[in-house]
C-alpha cells in the first residue's frame, strides 16, 4: 500500500471514526472490557495503544481509565498528527509493530485494534511476543482483528489488510506467548450476513486494482447508522455476560499475563 493510499484511508478514518456504527460498537466493547477487567485496584495504570491510528481509542482509554501513563504508536505520520490533536498530553510516537519501541518498562493494559492484520504471519508472532513480554503480571492485552481469510475483499485492499484470523488462531497465539485467554469471541455476529452480502461481488472476484480500491468507510452513512450501533451495543452486553459468538467479521480477544 503506497503512502498516498494509506493517508487517504486514515483521512477517511479520522472523519468517520467518531460517529460510524462499526467504530462506535468497537469502542463500546473496549469500554465495557476496561471497566470490567482493567485493574481498578491499582493506584497507577500504564496503558499503550499499539497501532493507535487517529486516536479515538486513546481518547476512550483516557476517559475510561484516567491512566497515569497513556501512550500510543503508529507508522503513519498522518495518523499520529490526528491522534496528537485528539489526545493532547498522550505520549504519541512513531513505531512499528514488527519491532516496537516502548516508553515504559511494563504496562497494565496494551490495546491493539486491527493493526496486526497489516503484517505477515511471522511478523505477527514477533510483534505479539514483544507486546506480551511487556505486560506486568495480571496485565491485559486487548485485541480486535479481522476474521476469516475468505472474507478478504476490496476493503482489505484499500486499508492494507494482509492477514485475517480465526478464533482458534488467536487462542493459540495467546497461549504460545504465555497469556491466559480471558475472552476470545467473534463479534459483529448479528450483522455478519449483511456484511457478507455487501462484499459478495468483491469476494467473487470483482476487485479493482489496489490503487483504485475503496474501503467500506467510503460508503455514505445513512439513517441506519444509529440502529446498527445499537445492535452492536446489545451484542457487546451479551459478550460481557459470557456469550461466545459463533461467527462474525472480527475476532475480539482479551489475554492476561498470569500473576505467578
C-alpha atoms as a PDB file:
ATOM      1  CA  UNK A   1       0.000   0.000   0.000  1.00  0.00           C
ATOM      2  CA  UNK A   2       1.523   3.342  -1.016  1.00  0.00           C
ATOM      3  CA  UNK A   3       1.786   6.220   1.413  1.00  0.00           C
ATOM      4  CA  UNK A   4      -0.859   8.213  -0.511  1.00  0.00           C
ATOM      5  CA  UNK A   5      -3.328   5.316  -0.283  1.00  0.00           C
ATOM      6  CA  UNK A   6      -2.592   4.915   3.411  1.00  0.00           C
ATOM      7  CA  UNK A   7      -3.119   8.604   4.111  1.00  0.00           C
ATOM      8  CA  UNK A   8      -6.372   8.570   2.120  1.00  0.00           C
ATOM      9  CA  UNK A   9      -7.758   5.815   4.329  1.00  0.00           C
ATOM     10  CA  UNK A  10      -6.527   7.452   7.534  1.00  0.00           C
ATOM     11  CA  UNK A  11      -8.183  10.688   6.437  1.00  0.00           C
ATOM     12  CA  UNK A  12     -11.461   8.800   5.955  1.00  0.00           C
ATOM     13  CA  UNK A  13     -10.996   7.129   9.336  1.00  0.00           C
ATOM     14  CA  UNK A  14     -10.374  10.417  11.113  1.00  0.00           C
ATOM     15  CA  UNK A  15     -13.550  11.846   9.578  1.00  0.00           C
ATOM     16  CA  UNK A  16     -15.960   8.992  10.327  1.00  0.00           C
ATOM     17  CA  UNK A  17     -14.459   7.175  13.334  1.00  0.00           C
ATOM     18  CA  UNK A  18     -16.253   9.276  15.981  1.00  0.00           C
ATOM     19  CA  UNK A  19     -19.715   8.510  14.524  1.00  0.00           C
ATOM     20  CA  UNK A  20     -19.526   5.361  12.370  1.00  0.00           C
ATOM     21  CA  UNK A  21     -21.547   2.417  13.752  1.00  0.00           C
ATOM     22  CA  UNK A  22     -18.681  -0.068  13.444  1.00  0.00           C
ATOM     23  CA  UNK A  23     -16.225   2.078  15.404  1.00  0.00           C
ATOM     24  CA  UNK A  24     -18.856   3.051  17.960  1.00  0.00           C
ATOM     25  CA  UNK A  25     -19.598  -0.613  18.531  1.00  0.00           C
ATOM     26  CA  UNK A  26     -15.930  -1.496  18.948  1.00  0.00           C
ATOM     27  CA  UNK A  27     -15.304   1.368  21.389  1.00  0.00           C
ATOM     28  CA  UNK A  28     -18.377   0.333  23.381  1.00  0.00           C
ATOM     29  CA  UNK A  29     -16.963  -3.182  23.744  1.00  0.00           C
ATOM     30  CA  UNK A  30     -13.496  -1.904  24.647  1.00  0.00           C
ATOM     31  CA  UNK A  31     -15.007   0.416  27.242  1.00  0.00           C
ATOM     32  CA  UNK A  32     -17.014  -2.435  28.783  1.00  0.00           C
ATOM     33  CA  UNK A  33     -13.875  -4.593  28.811  1.00  0.00           C
ATOM     34  CA  UNK A  34     -11.780  -1.943  30.535  1.00  0.00           C
ATOM     35  CA  UNK A  35     -14.430  -1.259  33.139  1.00  0.00           C
ATOM     36  CA  UNK A  36     -14.800  -4.983  33.890  1.00  0.00           C
ATOM     37  CA  UNK A  37     -11.200  -6.197  33.810  1.00  0.00           C
ATOM     38  CA  UNK A  38      -8.766  -3.318  33.851  1.00  0.00           C
ATOM     39  CA  UNK A  39      -7.300  -3.446  37.316  1.00  0.00           C
ATOM     40  CA  UNK A  40      -9.251  -0.756  39.111  1.00  0.00           C
ATOM     41  CA  UNK A  41      -7.494  -1.556  42.375  1.00  0.00           C
ATOM     42  CA  UNK A  42      -4.271  -0.041  41.030  1.00  0.00           C
ATOM     43  CA  UNK A  43      -3.337   3.492  42.053  1.00  0.00           C
ATOM     44  CA  UNK A  44      -1.333   3.858  38.830  1.00  0.00           C
ATOM     45  CA  UNK A  45      -2.167   2.492  35.394  1.00  0.00           C
ATOM     46  CA  UNK A  46       0.074   2.414  32.323  1.00  0.00           C
ATOM     47  CA  UNK A  47      -1.679   1.894  29.004  1.00  0.00           C
ATOM     48  CA  UNK A  48      -0.296   1.532  25.467  1.00  0.00           C
ATOM     49  CA  UNK A  49      -2.247   1.539  22.186  1.00  0.00           C
ATOM     50  CA  UNK A  50      -0.093  -0.417  19.721  1.00  0.00           C
ATOM     51  CA  UNK A  51      -1.162   0.846  16.302  1.00  0.00           C
ATOM     52  CA  UNK A  52      -3.180   3.778  17.639  1.00  0.00           C
ATOM     53  CA  UNK A  53      -4.379   5.112  14.277  1.00  0.00           C
ATOM     54  CA  UNK A  54      -6.042   8.512  14.515  1.00  0.00           C
ATOM     55  CA  UNK A  55      -6.533   8.375  18.285  1.00  0.00           C
ATOM     56  CA  UNK A  56     -10.193   7.642  19.081  1.00  0.00           C
ATOM     57  CA  UNK A  57      -9.301   4.613  21.189  1.00  0.00           C
ATOM     58  CA  UNK A  58      -6.666   6.616  23.041  1.00  0.00           C
ATOM     59  CA  UNK A  59      -9.351   9.154  23.884  1.00  0.00           C
ATOM     60  CA  UNK A  60     -11.635   6.353  25.086  1.00  0.00           C
ATOM     61  CA  UNK A  61      -8.913   4.904  27.330  1.00  0.00           C
ATOM     62  CA  UNK A  62      -8.157   8.291  28.843  1.00  0.00           C
ATOM     63  CA  UNK A  63     -11.815   8.940  29.630  1.00  0.00           C
ATOM     64  CA  UNK A  64     -12.425   5.411  30.969  1.00  0.00           C
ATOM     65  CA  UNK A  65      -9.298   4.628  32.996  1.00  0.00           C
ATOM     66  CA  UNK A  66      -7.582   8.007  33.570  1.00  0.00           C
ATOM     67  CA  UNK A  67      -4.182   6.290  33.314  1.00  0.00           C
ATOM     68  CA  UNK A  68      -1.045   7.784  34.807  1.00  0.00           C
ATOM     69  CA  UNK A  69       0.747   6.917  31.553  1.00  0.00           C
ATOM     70  CA  UNK A  70      -1.044   6.808  28.193  1.00  0.00           C
ATOM     71  CA  UNK A  71       0.998   6.038  25.098  1.00  0.00           C
ATOM     72  CA  UNK A  72       0.316   5.118  21.512  1.00  0.00           C
ATOM     73  CA  UNK A  73       2.367   4.456  18.420  1.00  0.00           C
ATOM     74  CA  UNK A  74       1.694   4.071  14.706  1.00  0.00           C
ATOM     75  CA  UNK A  75       3.670   4.004  11.462  1.00  0.00           C
ATOM     76  CA  UNK A  76       1.583   6.745   9.815  1.00  0.00           C
ATOM     77  CA  UNK A  77       2.654  10.355  10.286  1.00  0.00           C
ATOM     78  CA  UNK A  78      -0.836  11.495   9.263  1.00  0.00           C
ATOM     79  CA  UNK A  79      -2.469   9.260  11.884  1.00  0.00           C
ATOM     80  CA  UNK A  80      -0.061  10.396  14.593  1.00  0.00           C
ATOM     81  CA  UNK A  81      -0.785  14.063  13.901  1.00  0.00           C
ATOM     82  CA  UNK A  82      -4.526  13.383  14.190  1.00  0.00           C
ATOM     83  CA  UNK A  83      -4.033  11.407  17.414  1.00  0.00           C
ATOM     84  CA  UNK A  84      -1.981  14.197  18.996  1.00  0.00           C
ATOM     85  CA  UNK A  85      -4.746  16.688  18.236  1.00  0.00           C
ATOM     86  CA  UNK A  86      -7.411  14.419  19.740  1.00  0.00           C
ATOM     87  CA  UNK A  87      -5.476  13.393  22.855  1.00  0.00           C
ATOM     88  CA  UNK A  88      -3.119  16.179  23.886  1.00  0.00           C
ATOM     89  CA  UNK A  89      -0.752  15.077  26.604  1.00  0.00           C
ATOM     90  CA  UNK A  90      -0.632  11.449  25.491  1.00  0.00           C
ATOM     91  CA  UNK A  91       2.782  10.050  24.535  1.00  0.00           C
ATOM     92  CA  UNK A  92       2.107   9.522  20.816  1.00  0.00           C
ATOM     93  CA  UNK A  93       5.094   8.440  18.742  1.00  0.00           C
ATOM     94  CA  UNK A  94       6.264   6.688  15.594  1.00  0.00           C
ATOM     95  CA  UNK A  95       6.990   2.967  15.842  1.00  0.00           C
ATOM     96  CA  UNK A  96       6.297  -0.324  14.100  1.00  0.00           C
ATOM     97  CA  UNK A  97       4.527  -3.414  15.463  1.00  0.00           C
ATOM     98  CA  UNK A  98       7.226  -5.608  13.918  1.00  0.00           C
ATOM     99  CA  UNK A  99       9.846  -4.073  16.224  1.00  0.00           C
ATOM    100  CA  UNK A 100       8.001  -1.797  18.668  1.00  0.00           C
ATOM    101  CA  UNK A 101       9.648   0.866  20.779  1.00  0.00           C
ATOM    102  CA  UNK A 102       8.431   1.005  24.375  1.00  0.00           C
ATOM    103  CA  UNK A 103       8.458   4.132  26.522  1.00  0.00           C
ATOM    104  CA  UNK A 104       7.636   2.288  29.759  1.00  0.00           C
ATOM    105  CA  UNK A 105       9.175  -0.783  31.365  1.00  0.00           C
ATOM    106  CA  UNK A 106       5.816  -2.557  31.605  1.00  0.00           C
ATOM    107  CA  UNK A 107       2.116  -1.920  31.026  1.00  0.00           C
ATOM    108  CA  UNK A 108      -1.137  -2.727  32.780  1.00  0.00           C
ATOM    109  CA  UNK A 109      -3.113  -2.682  29.520  1.00  0.00           C
ATOM    110  CA  UNK A 110      -1.943  -2.964  25.911  1.00  0.00           C
ATOM    111  CA  UNK A 111      -4.590  -2.328  23.272  1.00  0.00           C
ATOM    112  CA  UNK A 112      -4.200  -3.196  19.591  1.00  0.00           C
ATOM    113  CA  UNK A 113      -7.092  -2.848  17.139  1.00  0.00           C
ATOM    114  CA  UNK A 114      -6.671  -4.288  13.636  1.00  0.00           C
ATOM    115  CA  UNK A 115      -3.016  -3.300  13.423  1.00  0.00           C
ATOM    116  CA  UNK A 116      -1.706  -6.882  13.349  1.00  0.00           C
ATOM    117  CA  UNK A 117      -3.761  -7.514  10.218  1.00  0.00           C
ATOM    118  CA  UNK A 118      -1.276  -5.357   8.292  1.00  0.00           C
ATOM    119  CA  UNK A 119       1.538  -7.858   8.961  1.00  0.00           C
ATOM    120  CA  UNK A 120       2.584 -11.245   7.656  1.00  0.00           C
ATOM    121  CA  UNK A 121       2.347 -14.311   9.899  1.00  0.00           C
ATOM    122  CA  UNK A 122       5.901 -14.270  11.265  1.00  0.00           C
ATOM    123  CA  UNK A 123       5.710 -10.522  11.825  1.00  0.00           C
ATOM    124  CA  UNK A 124       2.509 -11.018  13.822  1.00  0.00           C
ATOM    125  CA  UNK A 125       4.226 -13.580  16.047  1.00  0.00           C
ATOM    126  CA  UNK A 126       7.295 -11.398  16.536  1.00  0.00           C
ATOM    127  CA  UNK A 127       5.320  -8.294  17.407  1.00  0.00           C
ATOM    128  CA  UNK A 128       2.813 -10.078  19.639  1.00  0.00           C
ATOM    129  CA  UNK A 129       5.604 -11.764  21.577  1.00  0.00           C
ATOM    130  CA  UNK A 130       7.178  -8.394  22.357  1.00  0.00           C
ATOM    131  CA  UNK A 131       3.861  -6.898  23.493  1.00  0.00           C
ATOM    132  CA  UNK A 132       3.134  -9.893  25.720  1.00  0.00           C
ATOM    133  CA  UNK A 133       6.537  -9.639  27.386  1.00  0.00           C
ATOM    134  CA  UNK A 134       5.856  -6.019  28.343  1.00  0.00           C
ATOM    135  CA  UNK A 135       2.674  -6.784  30.295  1.00  0.00           C
ATOM    136  CA  UNK A 136       3.072  -6.765  34.029  1.00  0.00           C
ATOM    137  CA  UNK A 137       1.717  -9.811  35.931  1.00  0.00           C
ATOM    138  CA  UNK A 138      -2.063  -9.503  35.770  1.00  0.00           C
ATOM    139  CA  UNK A 139      -1.834  -7.091  32.833  1.00  0.00           C
ATOM    140  CA  UNK A 140      -4.222  -7.286  29.878  1.00  0.00           C
ATOM    141  CA  UNK A 141      -3.763  -7.460  26.118  1.00  0.00           C
ATOM    142  CA  UNK A 142      -6.952  -6.359  24.321  1.00  0.00           C
ATOM    143  CA  UNK A 143      -7.131  -7.007  20.579  1.00  0.00           C
ATOM    144  CA  UNK A 144      -9.592  -6.694  17.720  1.00  0.00           C
ATOM    145  CA  UNK A 145      -8.700  -8.379  14.422  1.00  0.00           C
ATOM    146  CA  UNK A 146     -10.472  -9.032  11.097  1.00  0.00           C
ATOM    147  CA  UNK A 147     -11.886 -12.552  10.813  1.00  0.00           C
ATOM    148  CA  UNK A 148     -11.693 -15.256   8.132  1.00  0.00           C
ATOM    149  CA  UNK A 149      -9.316 -15.305   5.200  1.00  0.00           C
ATOM    150  CA  UNK A 150     -12.213 -15.970   2.824  1.00  0.00           C
ATOM    151  CA  UNK A 151     -13.763 -12.600   3.801  1.00  0.00           C
ATOM    152  CA  UNK A 152     -10.859 -10.658   2.227  1.00  0.00           C
ATOM    153  CA  UNK A 153     -12.349  -8.104  -0.168  1.00  0.00           C
ATOM    154  CA  UNK A 154     -11.836  -4.730  -1.813  1.00  0.00           C
ATOM    155  CA  UNK A 155     -11.952  -3.213   1.671  1.00  0.00           C
ATOM    156  CA  UNK A 156      -8.809  -5.175   2.588  1.00  0.00           C
ATOM    157  CA  UNK A 157      -7.004  -3.921  -0.499  1.00  0.00           C
ATOM    158  CA  UNK A 158      -7.867  -0.338   0.386  1.00  0.00           C
ATOM    159  CA  UNK A 159      -6.781  -0.462   4.031  1.00  0.00           C
ATOM    160  CA  UNK A 160      -3.774  -2.744   3.562  1.00  0.00           C
ATOM    161  CA  UNK A 161      -5.025  -5.873   5.320  1.00  0.00           C
ATOM    162  CA  UNK A 162      -2.652  -8.766   4.690  1.00  0.00           C
ATOM    163  CA  UNK A 163      -3.936 -11.283   7.223  1.00  0.00           C
ATOM    164  CA  UNK A 164      -7.274 -12.298   8.699  1.00  0.00           C
ATOM    165  CA  UNK A 165      -7.669 -14.516  11.737  1.00  0.00           C
ATOM    166  CA  UNK A 166      -9.833 -17.185  13.333  1.00  0.00           C
ATOM    167  CA  UNK A 167     -10.716 -17.524  16.982  1.00  0.00           C
ATOM    168  CA  UNK A 168      -8.621 -20.708  17.210  1.00  0.00           C
ATOM    169  CA  UNK A 169      -5.555 -18.910  15.810  1.00  0.00           C
ATOM    170  CA  UNK A 170      -5.822 -16.147  18.389  1.00  0.00           C
ATOM    171  CA  UNK A 171      -6.222 -18.601  21.268  1.00  0.00           C
ATOM    172  CA  UNK A 172      -3.130 -20.448  20.060  1.00  0.00           C
ATOM    173  CA  UNK A 173      -1.090 -17.242  19.849  1.00  0.00           C
ATOM    174  CA  UNK A 174      -2.122 -16.109  23.323  1.00  0.00           C
ATOM    175  CA  UNK A 175      -1.171 -19.496  24.718  1.00  0.00           C
ATOM    176  CA  UNK A 176       2.141 -19.523  22.833  1.00  0.00           C
ATOM    177  CA  UNK A 177       3.206 -16.285  24.479  1.00  0.00           C
ATOM    178  CA  UNK A 178       2.099 -17.214  27.971  1.00  0.00           C
ATOM    179  CA  UNK A 179      -1.193 -15.310  28.186  1.00  0.00           C
ATOM    180  CA  UNK A 180      -4.428 -16.648  29.663  1.00  0.00           C
ATOM    181  CA  UNK A 181      -7.422 -16.382  27.318  1.00  0.00           C
ATOM    182  CA  UNK A 182      -9.829 -14.293  29.384  1.00  0.00           C
ATOM    183  CA  UNK A 183     -12.128 -13.736  26.401  1.00  0.00           C
ATOM    184  CA  UNK A 184     -11.912 -14.830  22.769  1.00  0.00           C
ATOM    185  CA  UNK A 185     -15.001 -14.407  20.616  1.00  0.00           C
ATOM    186  CA  UNK A 186     -16.183 -13.318  17.217  1.00  0.00           C
ATOM    187  CA  UNK A 187     -18.035 -10.003  17.081  1.00  0.00           C
ATOM    188  CA  UNK A 188     -20.403  -8.281  14.617  1.00  0.00           C
ATOM    189  CA  UNK A 189     -22.375 -11.531  14.612  1.00  0.00           C
ATOM    190  CA  UNK A 190     -25.938 -10.307  14.028  1.00  0.00           C
ATOM    191  CA  UNK A 191     -24.893  -8.143  11.083  1.00  0.00           C
ATOM    192  CA  UNK A 192     -22.451 -10.693   9.668  1.00  0.00           C
ATOM    193  CA  UNK A 193     -24.775 -11.956   6.861  1.00  0.00           C
ATOM    194  CA  UNK A 194     -25.379  -8.366   5.736  1.00  0.00           C
ATOM    195  CA  UNK A 195     -21.624  -7.702   5.593  1.00  0.00           C
ATOM    196  CA  UNK A 196     -21.015 -10.864   3.568  1.00  0.00           C
ATOM    197  CA  UNK A 197     -23.771  -9.933   1.102  1.00  0.00           C
ATOM    198  CA  UNK A 198     -22.438  -6.378   0.761  1.00  0.00           C
ATOM    199  CA  UNK A 199     -18.966  -7.715  -0.047  1.00  0.00           C
ATOM    200  CA  UNK A 200     -20.159 -10.570  -2.240  1.00  0.00           C
ATOM    201  CA  UNK A 201     -19.242  -9.004  -5.614  1.00  0.00           C
ATOM    202  CA  UNK A 202     -15.732  -8.386  -4.330  1.00  0.00           C
ATOM    203  CA  UNK A 203     -15.499 -11.846  -2.749  1.00  0.00           C
ATOM    204  CA  UNK A 204     -16.437 -13.416  -6.079  1.00  0.00           C
ATOM    205  CA  UNK A 205     -13.503 -11.756  -7.804  1.00  0.00           C
ATOM    206  CA  UNK A 206     -14.734  -8.317  -8.766  1.00  0.00           C
ATOM    207  CA  UNK A 207     -11.901  -6.424  -7.117  1.00  0.00           C
ATOM    208  CA  UNK A 208     -10.319  -3.336  -8.681  1.00  0.00           C
ATOM    209  CA  UNK A 209      -6.560  -2.745  -8.757  1.00  0.00           C
ATOM    210  CA  UNK A 210      -5.175  -1.919  -5.311  1.00  0.00           C
ATOM    211  CA  UNK A 211      -4.631   1.740  -6.178  1.00  0.00           C
ATOM    212  CA  UNK A 212      -8.321   2.121  -7.125  1.00  0.00           C
ATOM    213  CA  UNK A 213      -9.745   0.158  -4.180  1.00  0.00           C
ATOM    214  CA  UNK A 214     -12.119   1.886  -1.749  1.00  0.00           C
ATOM    215  CA  UNK A 215     -12.775   0.770   1.790  1.00  0.00           C
ATOM    216  CA  UNK A 216     -16.160   0.295   3.424  1.00  0.00           C
ATOM    217  CA  UNK A 217     -15.590   3.662   5.130  1.00  0.00           C
ATOM    218  CA  UNK A 218     -16.126   5.378   1.784  1.00  0.00           C
ATOM    219  CA  UNK A 219     -19.811   4.404   1.836  1.00  0.00           C
ATOM    220  CA  UNK A 220     -22.086   7.220   2.949  1.00  0.00           C
ATOM    221  CA  UNK A 221     -23.606   6.911   6.396  1.00  0.00           C
ATOM    222  CA  UNK A 222     -27.400   6.779   6.424  1.00  0.00           C
ATOM    223  CA  UNK A 223     -30.280   6.670   8.855  1.00  0.00           C
ATOM    224  CA  UNK A 224     -29.248   3.067   9.648  1.00  0.00           C
ATOM    225  CA  UNK A 225     -26.060   4.198  11.417  1.00  0.00           C
ATOM    226  CA  UNK A 226     -27.634   4.619  14.873  1.00  0.00           C
ATOM    227  CA  UNK A 227     -29.699   1.386  14.775  1.00  0.00           C
ATOM    228  CA  UNK A 228     -26.617  -0.576  13.658  1.00  0.00           C
ATOM    229  CA  UNK A 229     -24.606   0.845  16.559  1.00  0.00           C
ATOM    230  CA  UNK A 230     -27.446  -0.165  18.900  1.00  0.00           C
ATOM    231  CA  UNK A 231     -27.302  -3.753  17.579  1.00  0.00           C
ATOM    232  CA  UNK A 232     -23.605  -3.894  18.412  1.00  0.00           C
ATOM    233  CA  UNK A 233     -24.195  -2.493  21.908  1.00  0.00           C
ATOM    234  CA  UNK A 234     -26.729  -5.281  22.506  1.00  0.00           C
ATOM    235  CA  UNK A 235     -24.231  -7.814  21.210  1.00  0.00           C
ATOM    236  CA  UNK A 236     -21.479  -6.363  23.406  1.00  0.00           C
ATOM    237  CA  UNK A 237     -23.647  -6.646  26.507  1.00  0.00           C
ATOM    238  CA  UNK A 238     -24.171 -10.340  25.698  1.00  0.00           C
ATOM    239  CA  UNK A 239     -20.418 -10.854  25.300  1.00  0.00           C
ATOM    240  CA  UNK A 240     -19.763  -9.247  28.668  1.00  0.00           C
ATOM    241  CA  UNK A 241     -22.312 -11.609  30.214  1.00  0.00           C
ATOM    242  CA  UNK A 242     -20.296 -14.557  28.891  1.00  0.00           C
ATOM    243  CA  UNK A 243     -21.652 -15.170  25.391  1.00  0.00           C
ATOM    244  CA  UNK A 244     -19.102 -16.523  22.905  1.00  0.00           C
ATOM    245  CA  UNK A 245     -20.429 -15.707  19.444  1.00  0.00           C
ATOM    246  CA  UNK A 246     -20.023 -18.443  16.800  1.00  0.00           C
ATOM    247  CA  UNK A 247     -19.037 -16.198  13.878  1.00  0.00           C
ATOM    248  CA  UNK A 248     -18.593 -12.565  12.913  1.00  0.00           C
ATOM    249  CA  UNK A 249     -16.499 -10.189  10.845  1.00  0.00           C
ATOM    250  CA  UNK A 250     -13.968  -9.623  13.657  1.00  0.00           C
ATOM    251  CA  UNK A 251     -12.225 -11.606  16.372  1.00  0.00           C
ATOM    252  CA  UNK A 252     -12.109  -9.903  19.782  1.00  0.00           C
ATOM    253  CA  UNK A 253      -9.677 -11.172  22.404  1.00  0.00           C
ATOM    254  CA  UNK A 254      -8.546 -10.358  25.916  1.00  0.00           C
ATOM    255  CA  UNK A 255      -5.396 -12.089  27.154  1.00  0.00           C
ATOM    256  CA  UNK A 256      -3.921 -11.765  30.642  1.00  0.00           C
ATOM    257  CA  UNK A 257      -0.389 -12.225  31.930  1.00  0.00           C
ATOM    258  CA  UNK A 258      -0.598 -14.739  34.815  1.00  0.00           C
ATOM    259  CA  UNK A 259       0.120 -13.424  38.299  1.00  0.00           C
ATOM    260  CA  UNK A 260       2.558 -16.225  39.005  1.00  0.00           C
END
